[in-house]
PDB file of N, CA and C in Angstrom:
ATOM      1  N   MET A   1      77.508  14.399  29.048  1.00  0.00           N
ATOM      2  CA  MET A   1      75.781  15.395  28.292  1.00  0.00           C
ATOM      3  C   MET A   1      75.010  14.291  28.919  1.00  0.00           C
ATOM      4  N   ARG A   2      74.582  14.192  28.895  1.00  0.00           N
ATOM      5  CA  ARG A   2      72.549  13.436  29.685  1.00  0.00           C
ATOM      6  C   ARG A   2      71.968  14.354  29.201  1.00  0.00           C
ATOM      7  N   TYR A   3      71.015  13.052  28.600  1.00  0.00           N
ATOM      8  CA  TYR A   3      69.661  12.352  27.736  1.00  0.00           C
ATOM      9  C   TYR A   3      68.766  13.354  29.192  1.00  0.00           C
ATOM     10  N   ARG A   4      67.281  14.286  28.973  1.00  0.00           N
ATOM     11  CA  ARG A   4      66.785  14.368  29.707  1.00  0.00           C
ATOM     12  C   ARG A   4      65.385  14.276  28.539  1.00  0.00           C
ATOM     13  N   VAL A   5      64.499  13.805  29.742  1.00  0.00           N
ATOM     14  CA  VAL A   5      63.465  13.399  29.453  1.00  0.00           C
ATOM     15  C   VAL A   5      62.629  14.805  29.717  1.00  0.00           C
ATOM     16  N   ILE A   6      61.647  15.182  28.726  1.00  0.00           N
ATOM     17  CA  ILE A   6      60.333  16.259  29.140  1.00  0.00           C
ATOM     18  C   ILE A   6      59.169  15.517  29.087  1.00  0.00           C
ATOM     19  N   LYS A   7      59.027  15.892  30.527  1.00  0.00           N
ATOM     20  CA  LYS A   7      57.918  16.105  31.353  1.00  0.00           C
ATOM     21  C   LYS A   7      56.840  17.322  30.652  1.00  0.00           C
ATOM     22  N   VAL A   8      55.456  16.871  30.889  1.00  0.00           N
ATOM     23  CA  VAL A   8      54.126  17.607  31.098  1.00  0.00           C
ATOM     24  C   VAL A   8      53.844  17.398  31.511  1.00  0.00           C
ATOM     25  N   LYS A   9      53.190  18.385  33.061  1.00  0.00           N
ATOM     26  CA  LYS A   9      52.468  18.416  33.426  1.00  0.00           C
ATOM     27  C   LYS A   9      51.027  18.955  32.659  1.00  0.00           C
ATOM     28  N   PHE A  10      49.734  18.015  33.031  1.00  0.00           N
ATOM     29  CA  PHE A  10      48.303  17.694  32.108  1.00  0.00           C
ATOM     30  C   PHE A  10      47.476  17.329  33.261  1.00  0.00           C
ATOM     31  N   ARG A  11      46.526  18.816  33.748  1.00  0.00           N
ATOM     32  CA  ARG A  11      45.652  18.025  34.579  1.00  0.00           C
ATOM     33  C   ARG A  11      45.918  17.090  35.732  1.00  0.00           C
ATOM     34  N   ASP A  12      47.161  17.597  36.276  1.00  0.00           N
ATOM     35  CA  ASP A  12      47.946  17.279  37.423  1.00  0.00           C
ATOM     36  C   ASP A  12      48.146  16.438  37.561  1.00  0.00           C
ATOM     37  N   ASN A  13      48.575  16.019  36.315  1.00  0.00           N
ATOM     38  CA  ASN A  13      49.478  15.005  36.531  1.00  0.00           C
ATOM     39  C   ASN A  13      50.516  14.903  35.904  1.00  0.00           C
ATOM     40  N   TRP A  14      51.475  14.077  35.585  1.00  0.00           N
ATOM     41  CA  TRP A  14      53.373  14.322  34.692  1.00  0.00           C
ATOM     42  C   TRP A  14      52.792  13.500  34.019  1.00  0.00           C
ATOM     43  N   LYS A  15      53.112  13.842  32.815  1.00  0.00           N
ATOM     44  CA  LYS A  15      53.313  12.982  31.679  1.00  0.00           C
ATOM     45  C   LYS A  15      54.791  13.074  30.751  1.00  0.00           C
ATOM     46  N   THR A  16      54.990  11.616  30.672  1.00  0.00           N
ATOM     47  CA  THR A  16      56.571  12.274  30.088  1.00  0.00           C
ATOM     48  C   THR A  16      55.791  11.723  27.885  1.00  0.00           C
ATOM     49  N   LEU A  17      56.431  13.200  27.839  1.00  0.00           N
ATOM     50  CA  LEU A  17      56.431  13.412  25.811  1.00  0.00           C
ATOM     51  C   LEU A  17      57.349  11.669  25.617  1.00  0.00           C
ATOM     52  N   PRO A  18      56.647  11.240  24.678  1.00  0.00           N
ATOM     53  CA  PRO A  18      57.761   9.505  23.975  1.00  0.00           C
ATOM     54  C   PRO A  18      58.103  10.598  22.646  1.00  0.00           C
ATOM     55  N   GLY A  19      59.352  10.444  22.828  1.00  0.00           N
ATOM     56  CA  GLY A  19      60.676  10.419  21.518  1.00  0.00           C
ATOM     57  C   GLY A  19      61.015  11.668  21.923  1.00  0.00           C
ATOM     58  N   ALA A  20      60.477  12.738  22.797  1.00  0.00           N
ATOM     59  CA  ALA A  20      60.640  13.823  23.192  1.00  0.00           C
ATOM     60  C   ALA A  20      61.977  14.234  24.641  1.00  0.00           C
ATOM     61  N   ARG A  21      63.482  14.666  23.828  1.00  0.00           N
ATOM     62  CA  ARG A  21      64.560  14.414  24.654  1.00  0.00           C
ATOM     63  C   ARG A  21      64.844  15.470  24.426  1.00  0.00           C
ATOM     64  N   VAL A  22      66.088  16.213  25.342  1.00  0.00           N
ATOM     65  CA  VAL A  22      66.784  17.327  24.951  1.00  0.00           C
ATOM     66  C   VAL A  22      68.191  16.704  25.485  1.00  0.00           C
ATOM     67  N   ILE A  23      69.151  16.591  24.668  1.00  0.00           N
ATOM     68  CA  ILE A  23      70.304  16.764  24.854  1.00  0.00           C
ATOM     69  C   ILE A  23      71.275  18.224  25.574  1.00  0.00           C
ATOM     70  N   ALA A  24      71.750  18.317  26.585  1.00  0.00           N
ATOM     71  CA  ALA A  24      71.679  19.365  27.104  1.00  0.00           C
ATOM     72  C   ALA A  24      72.540  19.006  28.726  1.00  0.00           C
ATOM     73  N   GLY A  25      74.035  19.949  28.052  1.00  0.00           N
ATOM     74  CA  GLY A  25      74.279  20.072  29.400  1.00  0.00           C
ATOM     75  C   GLY A  25      74.475  20.877  30.268  1.00  0.00           C
ATOM     76  N   GLY A  26      75.563  20.768  31.020  1.00  0.00           N
ATOM     77  CA  GLY A  26      74.792  22.040  32.387  1.00  0.00           C
ATOM     78  C   GLY A  26      73.738  21.584  33.253  1.00  0.00           C
ATOM     79  N   ASN A  27      73.285  21.936  34.147  1.00  0.00           N
ATOM     80  CA  ASN A  27      73.076  22.474  34.676  1.00  0.00           C
ATOM     81  C   ASN A  27      71.223  22.804  35.155  1.00  0.00           C
ATOM     82  N   TYR A  28      70.386  22.446  34.780  1.00  0.00           N
ATOM     83  CA  TYR A  28      69.240  23.022  33.598  1.00  0.00           C
ATOM     84  C   TYR A  28      68.125  21.808  34.989  1.00  0.00           C
ATOM     85  N   GLY A  29      68.844  20.960  36.267  1.00  0.00           N
ATOM     86  CA  GLY A  29      67.481  20.371  36.849  1.00  0.00           C
ATOM     87  C   GLY A  29      66.960  19.515  36.359  1.00  0.00           C
ATOM     88  N   SER A  30      65.760  18.397  36.858  1.00  0.00           N
ATOM     89  CA  SER A  30      65.572  17.281  36.312  1.00  0.00           C
ATOM     90  C   SER A  30      64.016  16.951  35.325  1.00  0.00           C
ATOM     91  N   VAL A  31      63.645  17.966  35.051  1.00  0.00           N
ATOM     92  CA  VAL A  31      62.574  18.583  34.571  1.00  0.00           C
ATOM     93  C   VAL A  31      63.016  19.756  33.477  1.00  0.00           C
ATOM     94  N   LEU A  32      62.825  19.501  31.835  1.00  0.00           N
ATOM     95  CA  LEU A  32      62.683  21.303  31.974  1.00  0.00           C
ATOM     96  C   LEU A  32      61.212  21.166  31.262  1.00  0.00           C
ATOM     97  N   GLU A  33      61.393  22.977  31.866  1.00  0.00           N
ATOM     98  CA  GLU A  33      59.644  23.091  31.133  1.00  0.00           C
ATOM     99  C   GLU A  33      60.071  23.874  29.908  1.00  0.00           C
ATOM    100  N   PHE A  34      59.615  23.597  28.419  1.00  0.00           N
ATOM    101  CA  PHE A  34      59.935  24.553  27.109  1.00  0.00           C
ATOM    102  C   PHE A  34      58.226  25.450  27.521  1.00  0.00           C
ATOM    103  N   ALA A  35      58.611  26.680  27.030  1.00  0.00           N
ATOM    104  CA  ALA A  35      57.033  27.437  27.203  1.00  0.00           C
ATOM    105  C   ALA A  35      57.374  28.453  26.720  1.00  0.00           C
ATOM    106  N   GLY A  36      56.830  29.034  26.008  1.00  0.00           N
ATOM    107  CA  GLY A  36      56.518  30.085  25.882  1.00  0.00           C
ATOM    108  C   GLY A  36      55.820  30.830  26.535  1.00  0.00           C
ATOM    109  N   ARG A  37      55.520  32.026  26.213  1.00  0.00           N
ATOM    110  CA  ARG A  37      54.343  33.315  27.093  1.00  0.00           C
ATOM    111  C   ARG A  37      53.308  32.962  26.175  1.00  0.00           C
ATOM    112  N   PRO A  38      51.455  32.833  27.151  1.00  0.00           N
ATOM    113  CA  PRO A  38      50.245  32.632  26.465  1.00  0.00           C
ATOM    114  C   PRO A  38      50.322  33.247  26.014  1.00  0.00           C
ATOM    115  N   CYS A  39      49.354  33.095  24.562  1.00  0.00           N
ATOM    116  CA  CYS A  39      48.887  34.098  23.818  1.00  0.00           C
ATOM    117  C   CYS A  39      46.883  34.346  23.517  1.00  0.00           C
ATOM    118  N   ARG A  40      46.571  35.015  23.477  1.00  0.00           N
ATOM    119  CA  ARG A  40      45.033  35.183  23.160  1.00  0.00           C
ATOM    120  C   ARG A  40      45.118  34.979  21.534  1.00  0.00           C
ATOM    121  N   PHE A  41      43.856  34.609  21.711  1.00  0.00           N
ATOM    122  CA  PHE A  41      43.785  34.658  19.483  1.00  0.00           C
ATOM    123  C   PHE A  41      43.966  36.723  19.077  1.00  0.00           C
ATOM    124  N   LYS A  42      43.238  37.247  19.059  1.00  0.00           N
ATOM    125  CA  LYS A  42      43.362  39.033  19.700  1.00  0.00           C
ATOM    126  C   LYS A  42      45.163  38.996  19.521  1.00  0.00           C
ATOM    127  N   GLU A  43      45.900  38.477  20.306  1.00  0.00           N
ATOM    128  CA  GLU A  43      47.147  39.015  19.855  1.00  0.00           C
ATOM    129  C   GLU A  43      48.482  37.908  18.923  1.00  0.00           C
ATOM    130  N   LEU A  44      47.361  36.985  18.784  1.00  0.00           N
ATOM    131  CA  LEU A  44      48.272  36.051  17.703  1.00  0.00           C
ATOM    132  C   LEU A  44      47.913  36.515  15.937  1.00  0.00           C
ATOM    133  N   ALA A  45      46.469  37.425  15.994  1.00  0.00           N
ATOM    134  CA  ALA A  45      45.894  37.811  14.818  1.00  0.00           C
ATOM    135  C   ALA A  45      47.199  39.112  14.882  1.00  0.00           C
ATOM    136  N   GLN A  46      47.172  39.740  16.215  1.00  0.00           N
ATOM    137  CA  GLN A  46      47.801  41.096  15.433  1.00  0.00           C
ATOM    138  C   GLN A  46      49.170  40.688  15.514  1.00  0.00           C
ATOM    139  N   ALA A  47      49.740  39.875  15.441  1.00  0.00           N
ATOM    140  CA  ALA A  47      50.985  39.960  15.134  1.00  0.00           C
ATOM    141  C   ALA A  47      51.198  38.940  13.917  1.00  0.00           C
ATOM    142  N   ALA A  48      50.004  38.170  13.745  1.00  0.00           N
ATOM    143  CA  ALA A  48      49.564  37.957  11.859  1.00  0.00           C
ATOM    144  C   ALA A  48      49.584  39.004  11.104  1.00  0.00           C
ATOM    145  N   GLU A  49      48.978  39.923  11.827  1.00  0.00           N
ATOM    146  CA  GLU A  49      48.903  41.548  10.688  1.00  0.00           C
ATOM    147  C   GLU A  49      50.265  41.930  10.615  1.00  0.00           C
ATOM    148  N   ALA A  50      51.070  42.386  11.657  1.00  0.00           N
ATOM    149  CA  ALA A  50      52.670  42.964  11.969  1.00  0.00           C
ATOM    150  C   ALA A  50      53.714  41.788  10.892  1.00  0.00           C
ATOM    151  N   ALA A  51      53.474  40.669  10.747  1.00  0.00           N
ATOM    152  CA  ALA A  51      54.486  40.067  10.340  1.00  0.00           C
ATOM    153  C   ALA A  51      54.032  39.874   8.807  1.00  0.00           C
ATOM    154  N   THR A  52      52.565  39.923   7.975  1.00  0.00           N
ATOM    155  CA  THR A  52      52.156  40.087   6.945  1.00  0.00           C
ATOM    156  C   THR A  52      52.202  42.035   6.893  1.00  0.00           C
ATOM    157  N   ASP A  53      52.054  42.316   7.472  1.00  0.00           N
ATOM    158  CA  ASP A  53      51.783  44.292   6.768  1.00  0.00           C
ATOM    159  C   ASP A  53      50.344  44.281   6.246  1.00  0.00           C
ATOM    160  N   GLN A  54      49.153  43.344   6.361  1.00  0.00           N
ATOM    161  CA  GLN A  54      47.752  43.891   6.755  1.00  0.00           C
ATOM    162  C   GLN A  54      47.172  43.924   7.585  1.00  0.00           C
ATOM    163  N   THR A  55      46.092  44.125   7.456  1.00  0.00           N
ATOM    164  CA  THR A  55      45.368  44.215   8.468  1.00  0.00           C
ATOM    165  C   THR A  55      44.310  43.415   7.928  1.00  0.00           C
ATOM    166  N   ILE A  56      44.022  42.488   9.692  1.00  0.00           N
ATOM    167  CA  ILE A  56      43.171  41.844   9.738  1.00  0.00           C
ATOM    168  C   ILE A  56      41.855  41.744  10.311  1.00  0.00           C
ATOM    169  N   ASP A  57      40.441  41.657  10.297  1.00  0.00           N
ATOM    170  CA  ASP A  57      39.481  42.077  10.928  1.00  0.00           C
ATOM    171  C   ASP A  57      39.089  40.773  11.421  1.00  0.00           C
ATOM    172  N   ILE A  58      39.968  41.494  13.272  1.00  0.00           N
ATOM    173  CA  ILE A  58      39.938  40.939  14.343  1.00  0.00           C
ATOM    174  C   ILE A  58      38.208  41.132  14.826  1.00  0.00           C
ATOM    175  N   GLN A  59      37.296  40.340  15.139  1.00  0.00           N
ATOM    176  CA  GLN A  59      36.878  40.387  16.781  1.00  0.00           C
ATOM    177  C   GLN A  59      36.451  39.125  17.192  1.00  0.00           C
ATOM    178  N   GLU A  60      35.920  39.800  18.670  1.00  0.00           N
ATOM    179  CA  GLU A  60      35.709  38.989  19.768  1.00  0.00           C
ATOM    180  C   GLU A  60      34.557  38.496  19.965  1.00  0.00           C
ATOM    181  N   VAL A  61      33.754  37.526  19.617  1.00  0.00           N
ATOM    182  CA  VAL A  61      33.111  36.895  19.160  1.00  0.00           C
ATOM    183  C   VAL A  61      32.094  36.369  21.093  1.00  0.00           C
ATOM    184  N   THR A  62      31.569  35.765  21.455  1.00  0.00           N
ATOM    185  CA  THR A  62      31.243  34.995  22.176  1.00  0.00           C
ATOM    186  C   THR A  62      30.896  33.442  22.294  1.00  0.00           C
ATOM    187  N   ARG A  63      31.265  32.343  22.742  1.00  0.00           N
ATOM    188  CA  ARG A  63      31.384  31.105  22.081  1.00  0.00           C
ATOM    189  C   ARG A  63      30.342  30.632  21.240  1.00  0.00           C
ATOM    190  N   ASN A  64      29.020  30.851  20.991  1.00  0.00           N
ATOM    191  CA  ASN A  64      28.403  30.502  20.488  1.00  0.00           C
ATOM    192  C   ASN A  64      28.199  31.111  19.198  1.00  0.00           C
ATOM    193  N   ASP A  65      28.911  31.997  18.926  1.00  0.00           N
ATOM    194  CA  ASP A  65      29.140  32.883  17.770  1.00  0.00           C
ATOM    195  C   ASP A  65      30.406  31.833  17.501  1.00  0.00           C
ATOM    196  N   PHE A  66      31.289  32.053  17.772  1.00  0.00           N
ATOM    197  CA  PHE A  66      32.495  30.880  17.433  1.00  0.00           C
ATOM    198  C   PHE A  66      32.126  29.961  16.585  1.00  0.00           C
ATOM    199  N   ASP A  67      31.059  28.933  17.604  1.00  0.00           N
ATOM    200  CA  ASP A  67      30.454  27.307  17.108  1.00  0.00           C
ATOM    201  C   ASP A  67      30.054  27.576  16.056  1.00  0.00           C
ATOM    202  N   LEU A  68      29.277  28.791  15.858  1.00  0.00           N
ATOM    203  CA  LEU A  68      28.643  28.903  13.921  1.00  0.00           C
ATOM    204  C   LEU A  68      29.761  29.319  13.415  1.00  0.00           C
ATOM    205  N   ASN A  69      30.725  30.436  13.681  1.00  0.00           N
ATOM    206  CA  ASN A  69      31.366  30.589  12.441  1.00  0.00           C
ATOM    207  C   ASN A  69      32.602  29.786  12.234  1.00  0.00           C
ATOM    208  N   ILE A  70      33.060  28.487  12.881  1.00  0.00           N
ATOM    209  CA  ILE A  70      33.619  27.801  12.663  1.00  0.00           C
ATOM    210  C   ILE A  70      32.783  26.517  11.697  1.00  0.00           C
ATOM    211  N   ALA A  71      31.766  26.233  12.238  1.00  0.00           N
ATOM    212  CA  ALA A  71      31.176  24.963  11.309  1.00  0.00           C
ATOM    213  C   ALA A  71      30.753  25.828   9.299  1.00  0.00           C
ATOM    214  N   GLN A  72      30.618  26.950   9.870  1.00  0.00           N
ATOM    215  CA  GLN A  72      30.488  27.818   8.700  1.00  0.00           C
ATOM    216  C   GLN A  72      31.522  26.902   7.772  1.00  0.00           C
ATOM    217  N   THR A  73      32.794  27.037   7.547  1.00  0.00           N
ATOM    218  CA  THR A  73      33.407  27.465   7.576  1.00  0.00           C
ATOM    219  C   THR A  73      34.096  25.816   6.742  1.00  0.00           C
ATOM    220  N   GLY A  74      32.982  25.021   6.526  1.00  0.00           N
ATOM    221  CA  GLY A  74      33.108  23.627   5.712  1.00  0.00           C
ATOM    222  C   GLY A  74      34.175  22.845   6.074  1.00  0.00           C
ATOM    223  N   ILE A  75      34.618  22.711   7.603  1.00  0.00           N
ATOM    224  CA  ILE A  75      35.397  22.407   8.703  1.00  0.00           C
ATOM    225  C   ILE A  75      35.414  20.875   8.872  1.00  0.00           C
ATOM    226  N   SER A  76      36.024  19.546   8.611  1.00  0.00           N
ATOM    227  CA  SER A  76      34.996  17.898   8.598  1.00  0.00           C
ATOM    228  C   SER A  76      34.414  18.058  10.093  1.00  0.00           C
ATOM    229  N   GLN A  77      33.653  17.185  10.166  1.00  0.00           N
ATOM    230  CA  GLN A  77      33.386  17.155  11.722  1.00  0.00           C
ATOM    231  C   GLN A  77      34.126  16.808  12.609  1.00  0.00           C
ATOM    232  N   ILE A  78      35.113  15.970  12.199  1.00  0.00           N
ATOM    233  CA  ILE A  78      36.022  15.738  13.290  1.00  0.00           C
ATOM    234  C   ILE A  78      37.141  17.277  13.531  1.00  0.00           C
ATOM    235  N   GLY A  79      37.076  17.748  12.898  1.00  0.00           N
ATOM    236  CA  GLY A  79      38.076  19.022  13.297  1.00  0.00           C
ATOM    237  C   GLY A  79      37.154  20.263  13.898  1.00  0.00           C
ATOM    238  N   LEU A  80      35.913  20.044  13.377  1.00  0.00           N
ATOM    239  CA  LEU A  80      34.937  20.995  14.738  1.00  0.00           C
ATOM    240  C   LEU A  80      34.434  20.866  15.741  1.00  0.00           C
ATOM    241  N   MET A  81      35.223  19.401  16.538  1.00  0.00           N
ATOM    242  CA  MET A  81      34.263  18.815  17.293  1.00  0.00           C
ATOM    243  C   MET A  81      36.512  18.883  17.800  1.00  0.00           C
ATOM    244  N   LEU A  82      37.588  18.805  17.521  1.00  0.00           N
ATOM    245  CA  LEU A  82      38.564  19.388  17.876  1.00  0.00           C
ATOM    246  C   LEU A  82      38.319  20.917  18.327  1.00  0.00           C
ATOM    247  N   ALA A  83      37.811  21.609  17.053  1.00  0.00           N
ATOM    248  CA  ALA A  83      38.132  23.013  17.712  1.00  0.00           C
ATOM    249  C   ALA A  83      37.393  23.335  18.827  1.00  0.00           C
ATOM    250  N   LYS A  84      36.208  23.067  18.768  1.00  0.00           N
ATOM    251  CA  LYS A  84      35.324  23.119  20.048  1.00  0.00           C
ATOM    252  C   LYS A  84      36.216  22.046  20.717  1.00  0.00           C
ATOM    253  N   ASN A  85      36.329  21.724  21.458  1.00  0.00           N
ATOM    254  CA  ASN A  85      37.767  20.905  22.119  1.00  0.00           C
ATOM    255  C   ASN A  85      38.758  21.947  22.813  1.00  0.00           C
ATOM    256  N   TYR A  86      38.821  22.534  22.090  1.00  0.00           N
ATOM    257  CA  TYR A  86      40.308  23.175  22.132  1.00  0.00           C
ATOM    258  C   TYR A  86      39.527  24.717  22.342  1.00  0.00           C
ATOM    259  N   GLN A  87      38.742  25.180  22.088  1.00  0.00           N
ATOM    260  CA  GLN A  87      38.262  25.911  23.044  1.00  0.00           C
ATOM    261  C   GLN A  87      37.309  25.829  24.193  1.00  0.00           C
ATOM    262  N   ASP A  88      36.809  24.752  24.433  1.00  0.00           N
ATOM    263  CA  ASP A  88      36.428  23.954  25.983  1.00  0.00           C
ATOM    264  C   ASP A  88      37.399  24.095  27.107  1.00  0.00           C
ATOM    265  N   TYR A  89      39.046  23.455  26.635  1.00  0.00           N
ATOM    266  CA  TYR A  89      39.949  23.171  27.071  1.00  0.00           C
ATOM    267  C   TYR A  89      40.555  25.166  27.525  1.00  0.00           C
ATOM    268  N   ALA A  90      40.113  26.527  26.241  1.00  0.00           N
ATOM    269  CA  ALA A  90      40.712  27.066  26.386  1.00  0.00           C
ATOM    270  C   ALA A  90      40.486  27.857  27.923  1.00  0.00           C
ATOM    271  N   ILE A  91      38.861  28.409  27.959  1.00  0.00           N
ATOM    272  CA  ILE A  91      38.378  28.891  28.814  1.00  0.00           C
ATOM    273  C   ILE A  91      37.880  28.325  29.594  1.00  0.00           C
ATOM    274  N   ALA A  92      38.771  26.708  30.106  1.00  0.00           N
ATOM    275  CA  ALA A  92      37.987  26.720  31.786  1.00  0.00           C
ATOM    276  C   ALA A  92      39.800  27.261  32.145  1.00  0.00           C
ATOM    277  N   GLY A  93      40.384  26.872  31.864  1.00  0.00           N
ATOM    278  CA  GLY A  93      41.729  27.849  32.408  1.00  0.00           C
ATOM    279  C   GLY A  93      41.964  26.449  33.842  1.00  0.00           C
ATOM    280  N   ASN A  94      42.914  26.953  34.745  1.00  0.00           N
ATOM    281  CA  ASN A  94      43.534  25.917  35.076  1.00  0.00           C
ATOM    282  C   ASN A  94      44.215  24.355  34.200  1.00  0.00           C
ATOM    283  N   ASN A  95      44.771  25.361  32.998  1.00  0.00           N
ATOM    284  CA  ASN A  95      45.834  24.338  32.346  1.00  0.00           C
ATOM    285  C   ASN A  95      47.204  25.031  31.615  1.00  0.00           C
ATOM    286  N   GLY A  96      47.474  25.549  33.098  1.00  0.00           N
ATOM    287  CA  GLY A  96      48.703  25.546  32.656  1.00  0.00           C
ATOM    288  C   GLY A  96      49.521  26.847  32.661  1.00  0.00           C
ATOM    289  N   GLU A  97      48.441  27.122  32.515  1.00  0.00           N
ATOM    290  CA  GLU A  97      49.023  28.940  31.146  1.00  0.00           C
ATOM    291  C   GLU A  97      49.550  30.012  31.740  1.00  0.00           C
ATOM    292  N   SER A  98      49.122  29.783  33.399  1.00  0.00           N
ATOM    293  CA  SER A  98      48.881  30.928  34.214  1.00  0.00           C
ATOM    294  C   SER A  98      50.661  30.334  34.783  1.00  0.00           C
ATOM    295  N   GLU A  99      50.822  29.864  34.744  1.00  0.00           N
ATOM    296  CA  GLU A  99      52.510  29.129  34.962  1.00  0.00           C
ATOM    297  C   GLU A  99      53.103  28.711  33.938  1.00  0.00           C
ATOM    298  N   ALA A 100      53.286  29.343  33.293  1.00  0.00           N
ATOM    299  CA  ALA A 100      53.989  28.992  31.785  1.00  0.00           C
ATOM    300  C   ALA A 100      55.285  29.970  31.851  1.00  0.00           C
ATOM    301  N   SER A 101      56.179  29.690  31.981  1.00  0.00           N
ATOM    302  CA  SER A 101      56.786  30.670  32.393  1.00  0.00           C
ATOM    303  C   SER A 101      58.468  30.437  30.615  1.00  0.00           C
ATOM    304  N   PRO A 102      58.873  31.215  30.109  1.00  0.00           N
ATOM    305  CA  PRO A 102      59.962  30.819  29.456  1.00  0.00           C
ATOM    306  C   PRO A 102      61.482  31.029  29.525  1.00  0.00           C
ATOM    307  N   ALA A 103      61.319  31.078  30.530  1.00  0.00           N
ATOM    308  CA  ALA A 103      62.695  31.442  31.650  1.00  0.00           C
ATOM    309  C   ALA A 103      63.367  30.236  31.001  1.00  0.00           C
ATOM    310  N   VAL A 104      63.321  28.674  31.189  1.00  0.00           N
ATOM    311  CA  VAL A 104      64.117  27.178  31.292  1.00  0.00           C
ATOM    312  C   VAL A 104      64.291  27.622  29.640  1.00  0.00           C
ATOM    313  N   PHE A 105      63.307  27.896  29.109  1.00  0.00           N
ATOM    314  CA  PHE A 105      63.072  27.863  27.591  1.00  0.00           C
ATOM    315  C   PHE A 105      64.508  28.677  26.645  1.00  0.00           C
ATOM    316  N   GLU A 106      64.280  29.754  27.623  1.00  0.00           N
ATOM    317  CA  GLU A 106      65.998  30.867  27.125  1.00  0.00           C
ATOM    318  C   GLU A 106      66.773  30.581  27.570  1.00  0.00           C
ATOM    319  N   LYS A 107      67.141  30.175  28.212  1.00  0.00           N
ATOM    320  CA  LYS A 107      68.140  29.480  29.172  1.00  0.00           C
ATOM    321  C   LYS A 107      69.238  28.645  28.414  1.00  0.00           C
ATOM    322  N   VAL A 108      68.428  27.746  28.143  1.00  0.00           N
ATOM    323  CA  VAL A 108      68.717  26.657  27.376  1.00  0.00           C
ATOM    324  C   VAL A 108      68.954  26.858  25.847  1.00  0.00           C
ATOM    325  N   LEU A 109      68.182  27.620  25.552  1.00  0.00           N
ATOM    326  CA  LEU A 109      68.571  28.092  23.996  1.00  0.00           C
ATOM    327  C   LEU A 109      69.643  29.058  23.935  1.00  0.00           C
ATOM    328  N   GLY A 110      69.678  29.471  25.529  1.00  0.00           N
ATOM    329  CA  GLY A 110      71.189  30.846  25.313  1.00  0.00           C
ATOM    330  C   GLY A 110      70.109  31.934  24.609  1.00  0.00           C
ATOM    331  N   HIS A 111      69.301  32.486  24.667  1.00  0.00           N
ATOM    332  CA  HIS A 111      68.516  33.724  23.895  1.00  0.00           C
ATOM    333  C   HIS A 111      67.316  33.877  24.391  1.00  0.00           C
ATOM    334  N   SER A 112      66.889  35.056  23.938  1.00  0.00           N
ATOM    335  CA  SER A 112      65.309  34.838  24.246  1.00  0.00           C
ATOM    336  C   SER A 112      64.585  35.002  23.571  1.00  0.00           C
ATOM    337  N   LEU A 113      62.881  34.247  23.634  1.00  0.00           N
ATOM    338  CA  LEU A 113      62.386  33.374  22.508  1.00  0.00           C
ATOM    339  C   LEU A 113      62.479  34.641  21.399  1.00  0.00           C
ATOM    340  N   THR A 114      61.793  34.001  20.055  1.00  0.00           N
ATOM    341  CA  THR A 114      61.688  35.492  18.656  1.00  0.00           C
ATOM    342  C   THR A 114      60.341  35.818  18.785  1.00  0.00           C
ATOM    343  N   PRO A 115      60.505  37.241  18.561  1.00  0.00           N
ATOM    344  CA  PRO A 115      58.615  37.517  19.218  1.00  0.00           C
ATOM    345  C   PRO A 115      57.664  37.250  18.066  1.00  0.00           C
ATOM    346  N   LEU A 116      56.606  36.617  18.545  1.00  0.00           N
ATOM    347  CA  LEU A 116      55.897  35.938  17.659  1.00  0.00           C
ATOM    348  C   LEU A 116      55.510  36.542  16.049  1.00  0.00           C
ATOM    349  N   SER A 117      55.104  37.718  15.785  1.00  0.00           N
ATOM    350  CA  SER A 117      55.500  38.423  14.473  1.00  0.00           C
ATOM    351  C   SER A 117      56.495  37.837  14.013  1.00  0.00           C
ATOM    352  N   GLU A 118      57.693  37.735  13.846  1.00  0.00           N
ATOM    353  CA  GLU A 118      59.474  37.532  13.643  1.00  0.00           C
ATOM    354  C   GLU A 118      59.045  35.970  13.311  1.00  0.00           C
ATOM    355  N   ALA A 119      58.432  35.449  14.385  1.00  0.00           N
ATOM    356  CA  ALA A 119      58.365  34.140  14.320  1.00  0.00           C
ATOM    357  C   ALA A 119      57.187  33.376  13.141  1.00  0.00           C
ATOM    358  N   LEU A 120      55.549  34.398  13.087  1.00  0.00           N
ATOM    359  CA  LEU A 120      55.020  33.789  11.710  1.00  0.00           C
ATOM    360  C   LEU A 120      55.581  34.506  10.543  1.00  0.00           C
ATOM    361  N   LYS A 121      55.711  35.501  10.574  1.00  0.00           N
ATOM    362  CA  LYS A 121      56.966  36.030   9.315  1.00  0.00           C
ATOM    363  C   LYS A 121      58.269  34.800   8.781  1.00  0.00           C
ATOM    364  N   GLU A 122      58.833  34.363   9.636  1.00  0.00           N
ATOM    365  CA  GLU A 122      59.569  33.204   9.321  1.00  0.00           C
ATOM    366  C   GLU A 122      58.304  32.108   8.853  1.00  0.00           C
ATOM    367  N   LEU A 123      58.096  31.234   9.235  1.00  0.00           N
ATOM    368  CA  LEU A 123      56.838  30.205   8.458  1.00  0.00           C
ATOM    369  C   LEU A 123      55.686  30.650   6.947  1.00  0.00           C
ATOM    370  N   LEU A 124      55.705  32.118   7.312  1.00  0.00           N
ATOM    371  CA  LEU A 124      55.321  32.788   6.069  1.00  0.00           C
ATOM    372  C   LEU A 124      55.944  33.380   5.349  1.00  0.00           C
TER     373      LEU A 124
END
């Protein structure tokens, strides 16, 4: 059995995740890319509805409205900065989302990834 270090491509550079190792037998290649299918917030909210059997008021808003709404929650300044930066990152694209594939993850697991609504149900 060999240890394989997980490497992540971030802004056209490969980074090794410290402490993230996988014990894998078999022929998986030198780099294991673990990814699920990317989803939008709307899909996440719909999965949460299915997991909780409750209706959630899902609204698509502009970036400016998002900033105003998140600021009104009482979130800390650091939390607000992180939320805004995450939105900038997601909106800008070119973040690997289009290349994400669960194929390697599923191969190593030996089964398909758990559907999002089922995974949320387990967490809740």
